[in-house]
Amino acid sequence: MAESKEVAKKEEFEPKIIAFLCNWCSYAAADLAGSSRLQYPTNIRAVRIPCTGRLNPLIVIKTLKKGADGILVSGCHPGDCHYIDGNYYARRRFIMLKELLEYAGVEPERLNFTWCSAAEGRRFASVVRQVVDRVKSVGPWDGYLSADLMEDFIPEAGNPGCTEPDDKGGVIDDQFI
């Protein structure tokens, strides 16, 4: 009986997915998909960023901590980055972040990375459908990171390990130096 309730709950589940989209390619692909009236799930909330290479992995962690069920990062195809190689940096960071979060107990299906050019509205719609299906398959995010597991890794005001200012106005966490 409990299993049938859990299955029914999973079927009713509509995930909240935050999509970090490159301004030059993927956001334009999302715009093209919308203006072409292509059908895709409304589960994503797009966040336009200048380049996926500028996406700080801590933002992804904080997004999960705030209750997102899944993450999509989408940028320019390799070799087409407006900022030359930002998408390569993003891909490397994302692989490392995914491994770290999987080690911390986050299912890898929650974290998705893809390339979409500005002319690929259909591909973008297809990617969104796939990501929504992947996140639905693992169910709602239980907020495991909301525990103190990642608190020591996120520099912010109030964290006793983050007291020394750096030259960019941020802080240096002396426990990692």
C-alpha atoms as a PDB file:
ATOM      1  CA  MET A   1       0.000   0.000   0.000  1.00  0.00           C
ATOM      2  CA  ALA A   2       2.799   2.413   0.894  1.00  0.00           C
ATOM      3  CA  GLU A   3       4.541   1.621  -2.403  1.00  0.00           C
ATOM      4  CA  SER A   4       1.438   2.512  -4.426  1.00  0.00           C
ATOM      5  CA  LYS A   5       1.169   5.876  -2.627  1.00  0.00           C
ATOM      6  CA  GLU A   6       4.847   6.550  -3.330  1.00  0.00           C
ATOM      7  CA  VAL A   7       4.418   5.667  -7.024  1.00  0.00           C
ATOM      8  CA  ALA A   8       1.321   7.883  -7.265  1.00  0.00           C
ATOM      9  CA  LYS A   9       3.191  10.738  -5.573  1.00  0.00           C
ATOM     10  CA  LYS A  10       6.094  10.341  -8.025  1.00  0.00           C
ATOM     11  CA  GLU A  11       3.691  10.427 -10.999  1.00  0.00           C
ATOM     12  CA  GLU A  12       2.070  13.656  -9.721  1.00  0.00           C
ATOM     13  CA  PHE A  13       5.472  15.217  -9.085  1.00  0.00           C
ATOM     14  CA  GLU A  14       6.277  18.242 -11.245  1.00  0.00           C
ATOM     15  CA  PRO A  15       9.938  19.137 -10.774  1.00  0.00           C
ATOM     16  CA  LYS A  16      11.307  22.649 -10.369  1.00  0.00           C
ATOM     17  CA  ILE A  17      14.283  22.896 -12.700  1.00  0.00           C
ATOM     18  CA  ILE A  18      16.559  25.909 -12.900  1.00  0.00           C
ATOM     19  CA  ALA A  19      18.219  26.360 -16.296  1.00  0.00           C
ATOM     20  CA  PHE A  20      21.362  28.475 -16.517  1.00  0.00           C
ATOM     21  CA  LEU A  21      21.458  29.485 -20.176  1.00  0.00           C
ATOM     22  CA  CYS A  22      24.193  31.201 -22.146  1.00  0.00           C
ATOM     23  CA  ASN A  23      22.997  34.590 -23.393  1.00  0.00           C
ATOM     24  CA  TRP A  24      24.439  34.111 -26.875  1.00  0.00           C
ATOM     25  CA  CYS A  25      23.256  30.618 -27.767  1.00  0.00           C
ATOM     26  CA  SER A  26      21.058  28.637 -25.401  1.00  0.00           C
ATOM     27  CA  TYR A  27      18.899  31.526 -24.228  1.00  0.00           C
ATOM     28  CA  ALA A  28      18.345  32.434 -27.878  1.00  0.00           C
ATOM     29  CA  ALA A  29      17.454  28.771 -28.560  1.00  0.00           C
ATOM     30  CA  ALA A  30      14.872  28.918 -25.753  1.00  0.00           C
ATOM     31  CA  ASP A  31      13.519  32.123 -27.253  1.00  0.00           C
ATOM     32  CA  LEU A  32      13.337  30.479 -30.691  1.00  0.00           C
ATOM     33  CA  ALA A  33      11.525  27.459 -29.236  1.00  0.00           C
ATOM     34  CA  GLY A  34       8.975  29.772 -27.641  1.00  0.00           C
ATOM     35  CA  SER A  35       8.474  32.010 -30.664  1.00  0.00           C
ATOM     36  CA  SER A  36       8.160  28.893 -32.864  1.00  0.00           C
ATOM     37  CA  ARG A  37       5.432  27.667 -30.489  1.00  0.00           C
ATOM     38  CA  LEU A  38       7.208  24.394 -29.857  1.00  0.00           C
ATOM     39  CA  GLN A  39       5.684  22.388 -27.036  1.00  0.00           C
ATOM     40  CA  TYR A  40       7.887  21.562 -24.078  1.00  0.00           C
ATOM     41  CA  PRO A  41       7.308  21.299 -20.320  1.00  0.00           C
ATOM     42  CA  THR A  42       7.030  24.500 -18.316  1.00  0.00           C
ATOM     43  CA  ASN A  43       9.042  23.065 -15.441  1.00  0.00           C
ATOM     44  CA  ILE A  44      12.162  25.093 -16.137  1.00  0.00           C
ATOM     45  CA  ARG A  45      12.940  28.596 -14.989  1.00  0.00           C
ATOM     46  CA  ALA A  46      15.562  30.162 -17.226  1.00  0.00           C
ATOM     47  CA  VAL A  47      18.375  32.244 -15.804  1.00  0.00           C
ATOM     48  CA  ARG A  48      20.260  34.152 -18.492  1.00  0.00           C
ATOM     49  CA  ILE A  49      23.997  34.290 -17.848  1.00  0.00           C
ATOM     50  CA  PRO A  50      26.663  35.976 -20.012  1.00  0.00           C
ATOM     51  CA  CYS A  51      28.540  32.704 -20.536  1.00  0.00           C
ATOM     52  CA  THR A  52      28.391  29.268 -18.938  1.00  0.00           C
ATOM     53  CA  GLY A  53      32.092  29.720 -18.209  1.00  0.00           C
ATOM     54  CA  ARG A  54      31.120  32.435 -15.708  1.00  0.00           C
ATOM     55  CA  LEU A  55      28.728  30.196 -13.747  1.00  0.00           C
ATOM     56  CA  ASN A  56      30.145  29.710 -10.268  1.00  0.00           C
ATOM     57  CA  PRO A  57      29.585  26.122  -9.059  1.00  0.00           C
ATOM     58  CA  LEU A  58      28.535  27.509  -5.663  1.00  0.00           C
ATOM     59  CA  ILE A  59      25.489  29.036  -7.361  1.00  0.00           C
ATOM     60  CA  VAL A  60      24.440  25.548  -8.468  1.00  0.00           C
ATOM     61  CA  ILE A  61      24.875  24.225  -4.919  1.00  0.00           C
ATOM     62  CA  LYS A  62      22.900  27.134  -3.460  1.00  0.00           C
ATOM     63  CA  THR A  63      20.168  26.591  -6.054  1.00  0.00           C
ATOM     64  CA  LEU A  64      19.790  22.990  -4.902  1.00  0.00           C
ATOM     65  CA  LYS A  65      19.834  24.105  -1.274  1.00  0.00           C
ATOM     66  CA  LYS A  66      16.989  26.532  -2.013  1.00  0.00           C
ATOM     67  CA  GLY A  67      14.814  23.671  -3.278  1.00  0.00           C
ATOM     68  CA  ALA A  68      15.397  23.174  -6.998  1.00  0.00           C
ATOM     69  CA  ASP A  69      14.768  19.572  -8.031  1.00  0.00           C
ATOM     70  CA  GLY A  70      17.147  19.744 -10.982  1.00  0.00           C
ATOM     71  CA  ILE A  71      19.675  21.883 -12.810  1.00  0.00           C
ATOM     72  CA  LEU A  72      20.251  22.426 -16.524  1.00  0.00           C
ATOM     73  CA  VAL A  73      23.342  24.259 -17.742  1.00  0.00           C
ATOM     74  CA  SER A  74      23.353  24.939 -21.466  1.00  0.00           C
ATOM     75  CA  GLY A  75      25.886  26.857 -23.501  1.00  0.00           C
ATOM     76  CA  CYS A  76      27.349  27.307 -26.952  1.00  0.00           C
ATOM     77  CA  HIS A  77      28.663  24.345 -28.918  1.00  0.00           C
ATOM     78  CA  PRO A  78      32.415  23.700 -28.579  1.00  0.00           C
ATOM     79  CA  GLY A  79      34.293  26.142 -30.773  1.00  0.00           C
ATOM     80  CA  ASP A  80      31.359  28.580 -30.988  1.00  0.00           C
ATOM     81  CA  CYS A  81      31.698  30.354 -27.638  1.00  0.00           C
ATOM     82  CA  HIS A  82      31.343  34.127 -27.871  1.00  0.00           C
ATOM     83  CA  TYR A  83      34.109  34.326 -25.255  1.00  0.00           C
ATOM     84  CA  ILE A  84      36.387  31.865 -27.092  1.00  0.00           C
ATOM     85  CA  ASP A  85      36.647  29.013 -24.572  1.00  0.00           C
ATOM     86  CA  GLY A  86      34.167  29.733 -21.787  1.00  0.00           C
ATOM     87  CA  ASN A  87      32.112  26.658 -22.636  1.00  0.00           C
ATOM     88  CA  TYR A  88      35.189  24.433 -22.209  1.00  0.00           C
ATOM     89  CA  TYR A  89      35.794  25.878 -18.743  1.00  0.00           C
ATOM     90  CA  ALA A  90      32.131  25.356 -17.914  1.00  0.00           C
ATOM     91  CA  ARG A  91      32.186  21.737 -19.016  1.00  0.00           C
ATOM     92  CA  ARG A  92      35.264  20.944 -16.900  1.00  0.00           C
ATOM     93  CA  ARG A  93      33.794  22.674 -13.849  1.00  0.00           C
ATOM     94  CA  PHE A  94      30.460  20.934 -14.320  1.00  0.00           C
ATOM     95  CA  ILE A  95      32.053  17.478 -14.489  1.00  0.00           C
ATOM     96  CA  MET A  96      33.919  18.126 -11.238  1.00  0.00           C
ATOM     97  CA  LEU A  97      30.824  19.595  -9.566  1.00  0.00           C
ATOM     98  CA  LYS A  98      28.702  16.647 -10.629  1.00  0.00           C
ATOM     99  CA  GLU A  99      31.246  14.216  -9.162  1.00  0.00           C
ATOM    100  CA  LEU A 100      31.428  16.200  -5.907  1.00  0.00           C
ATOM    101  CA  LEU A 101      27.653  16.363  -5.543  1.00  0.00           C
ATOM    102  CA  GLU A 102      27.258  12.685  -6.405  1.00  0.00           C
ATOM    103  CA  TYR A 103      29.744  11.944  -3.613  1.00  0.00           C
ATOM    104  CA  ALA A 104      27.601  14.138  -1.328  1.00  0.00           C
ATOM    105  CA  GLY A 105      24.505  12.093  -2.178  1.00  0.00           C
ATOM    106  CA  VAL A 106      22.942  14.028  -5.055  1.00  0.00           C
ATOM    107  CA  GLU A 107      21.650  11.814  -7.863  1.00  0.00           C
ATOM    108  CA  PRO A 108      23.521  12.570 -11.127  1.00  0.00           C
ATOM    109  CA  GLU A 109      20.200  12.765 -13.010  1.00  0.00           C
ATOM    110  CA  ARG A 110      19.500  16.064 -11.257  1.00  0.00           C
ATOM    111  CA  LEU A 111      22.481  17.789 -12.917  1.00  0.00           C
ATOM    112  CA  ASN A 112      22.427  18.207 -16.685  1.00  0.00           C
ATOM    113  CA  PHE A 113      24.768  19.910 -19.146  1.00  0.00           C
ATOM    114  CA  THR A 114      24.231  20.377 -22.866  1.00  0.00           C
ATOM    115  CA  TRP A 115      25.077  22.535 -25.869  1.00  0.00           C
ATOM    116  CA  CYS A 116      22.424  24.386 -27.913  1.00  0.00           C
ATOM    117  CA  SER A 117      23.082  26.991 -30.581  1.00  0.00           C
ATOM    118  CA  ALA A 118      20.795  29.951 -31.196  1.00  0.00           C
ATOM    119  CA  ALA A 119      19.323  28.157 -34.229  1.00  0.00           C
ATOM    120  CA  GLU A 120      18.393  24.985 -32.338  1.00  0.00           C
ATOM    121  CA  GLY A 121      14.972  25.743 -30.912  1.00  0.00           C
ATOM    122  CA  ARG A 122      13.774  22.190 -31.585  1.00  0.00           C
ATOM    123  CA  ARG A 123      16.837  20.730 -29.903  1.00  0.00           C
ATOM    124  CA  PHE A 124      16.296  22.971 -26.876  1.00  0.00           C
ATOM    125  CA  ALA A 125      12.674  21.805 -26.542  1.00  0.00           C
ATOM    126  CA  SER A 126      13.831  18.188 -26.817  1.00  0.00           C
ATOM    127  CA  VAL A 127      16.546  18.714 -24.183  1.00  0.00           C
ATOM    128  CA  VAL A 128      14.022  20.238 -21.769  1.00  0.00           C
ATOM    129  CA  ARG A 129      11.704  17.239 -22.202  1.00  0.00           C
ATOM    130  CA  GLN A 130      14.609  14.845 -21.545  1.00  0.00           C
ATOM    131  CA  VAL A 131      15.789  16.760 -18.473  1.00  0.00           C
ATOM    132  CA  VAL A 132      12.277  16.893 -17.001  1.00  0.00           C
ATOM    133  CA  ASP A 133      11.902  13.130 -17.543  1.00  0.00           C
ATOM    134  CA  ARG A 134      15.291  12.453 -15.913  1.00  0.00           C
ATOM    135  CA  VAL A 135      14.472  14.556 -12.863  1.00  0.00           C
ATOM    136  CA  LYS A 136      10.989  13.020 -12.575  1.00  0.00           C
ATOM    137  CA  SER A 137      12.583   9.560 -12.589  1.00  0.00           C
ATOM    138  CA  VAL A 138      14.486  10.311  -9.359  1.00  0.00           C
ATOM    139  CA  GLY A 139      11.592  12.065  -7.647  1.00  0.00           C
ATOM    140  CA  PRO A 140      11.437  15.201  -5.523  1.00  0.00           C
ATOM    141  CA  TRP A 141      14.624  16.630  -4.062  1.00  0.00           C
ATOM    142  CA  ASP A 142      14.678  15.909  -0.356  1.00  0.00           C
ATOM    143  CA  GLY A 143      17.060  18.744   0.425  1.00  0.00           C
ATOM    144  CA  TYR A 144      19.890  16.624   1.799  1.00  0.00           C
ATOM    145  CA  LEU A 145      22.267  19.534   1.180  1.00  0.00           C
ATOM    146  CA  SER A 146      20.174  21.694   3.473  1.00  0.00           C
ATOM    147  CA  ALA A 147      21.892  19.819   6.284  1.00  0.00           C
ATOM    148  CA  ASP A 148      25.267  21.107   7.389  1.00  0.00           C
ATOM    149  CA  LEU A 149      27.066  18.867   4.881  1.00  0.00           C
ATOM    150  CA  MET A 150      28.052  21.645   2.472  1.00  0.00           C
ATOM    151  CA  GLU A 151      28.065  24.611   4.875  1.00  0.00           C
ATOM    152  CA  ASP A 152      31.839  24.493   5.288  1.00  0.00           C
ATOM    153  CA  PHE A 153      32.330  24.663   1.522  1.00  0.00           C
ATOM    154  CA  ILE A 154      30.209  27.743   0.865  1.00  0.00           C
ATOM    155  CA  PRO A 155      32.002  30.976   1.755  1.00  0.00           C
ATOM    156  CA  GLU A 156      29.517  33.550   2.985  1.00  0.00           C
ATOM    157  CA  ALA A 157      29.078  35.978   5.837  1.00  0.00           C
ATOM    158  CA  GLY A 158      28.870  34.233   9.157  1.00  0.00           C
ATOM    159  CA  ASN A 159      31.068  31.291   8.207  1.00  0.00           C
ATOM    160  CA  PRO A 160      33.941  31.464  10.735  1.00  0.00           C
ATOM    161  CA  GLY A 161      36.411  30.008   8.216  1.00  0.00           C
ATOM    162  CA  CYS A 162      35.858  32.941   5.838  1.00  0.00           C
ATOM    163  CA  THR A 163      37.389  35.996   7.399  1.00  0.00           C
ATOM    164  CA  GLU A 164      40.238  37.222   5.208  1.00  0.00           C
ATOM    165  CA  PRO A 165      39.252  39.590   2.362  1.00  0.00           C
ATOM    166  CA  ASP A 166      40.767  38.909  -1.047  1.00  0.00           C
ATOM    167  CA  ASP A 167      41.773  41.500  -3.639  1.00  0.00           C
ATOM    168  CA  LYS A 168      38.383  41.268  -5.410  1.00  0.00           C
ATOM    169  CA  GLY A 169      36.207  42.147  -2.447  1.00  0.00           C
ATOM    170  CA  GLY A 170      35.369  38.539  -1.595  1.00  0.00           C
ATOM    171  CA  VAL A 171      36.762  36.393   1.147  1.00  0.00           C
ATOM    172  CA  ILE A 172      39.438  33.737   1.271  1.00  0.00           C
ATOM    173  CA  ASP A 173      38.601  30.632   3.239  1.00  0.00           C
ATOM    174  CA  ASP A 174      41.787  29.964   5.187  1.00  0.00           C
ATOM    175  CA  GLN A 175      40.961  26.306   5.752  1.00  0.00           C
ATOM    176  CA  PHE A 176      41.607  25.579   2.039  1.00  0.00           C
ATOM    177  CA  ILE A 177      44.876  27.536   1.691  1.00  0.00           C
END
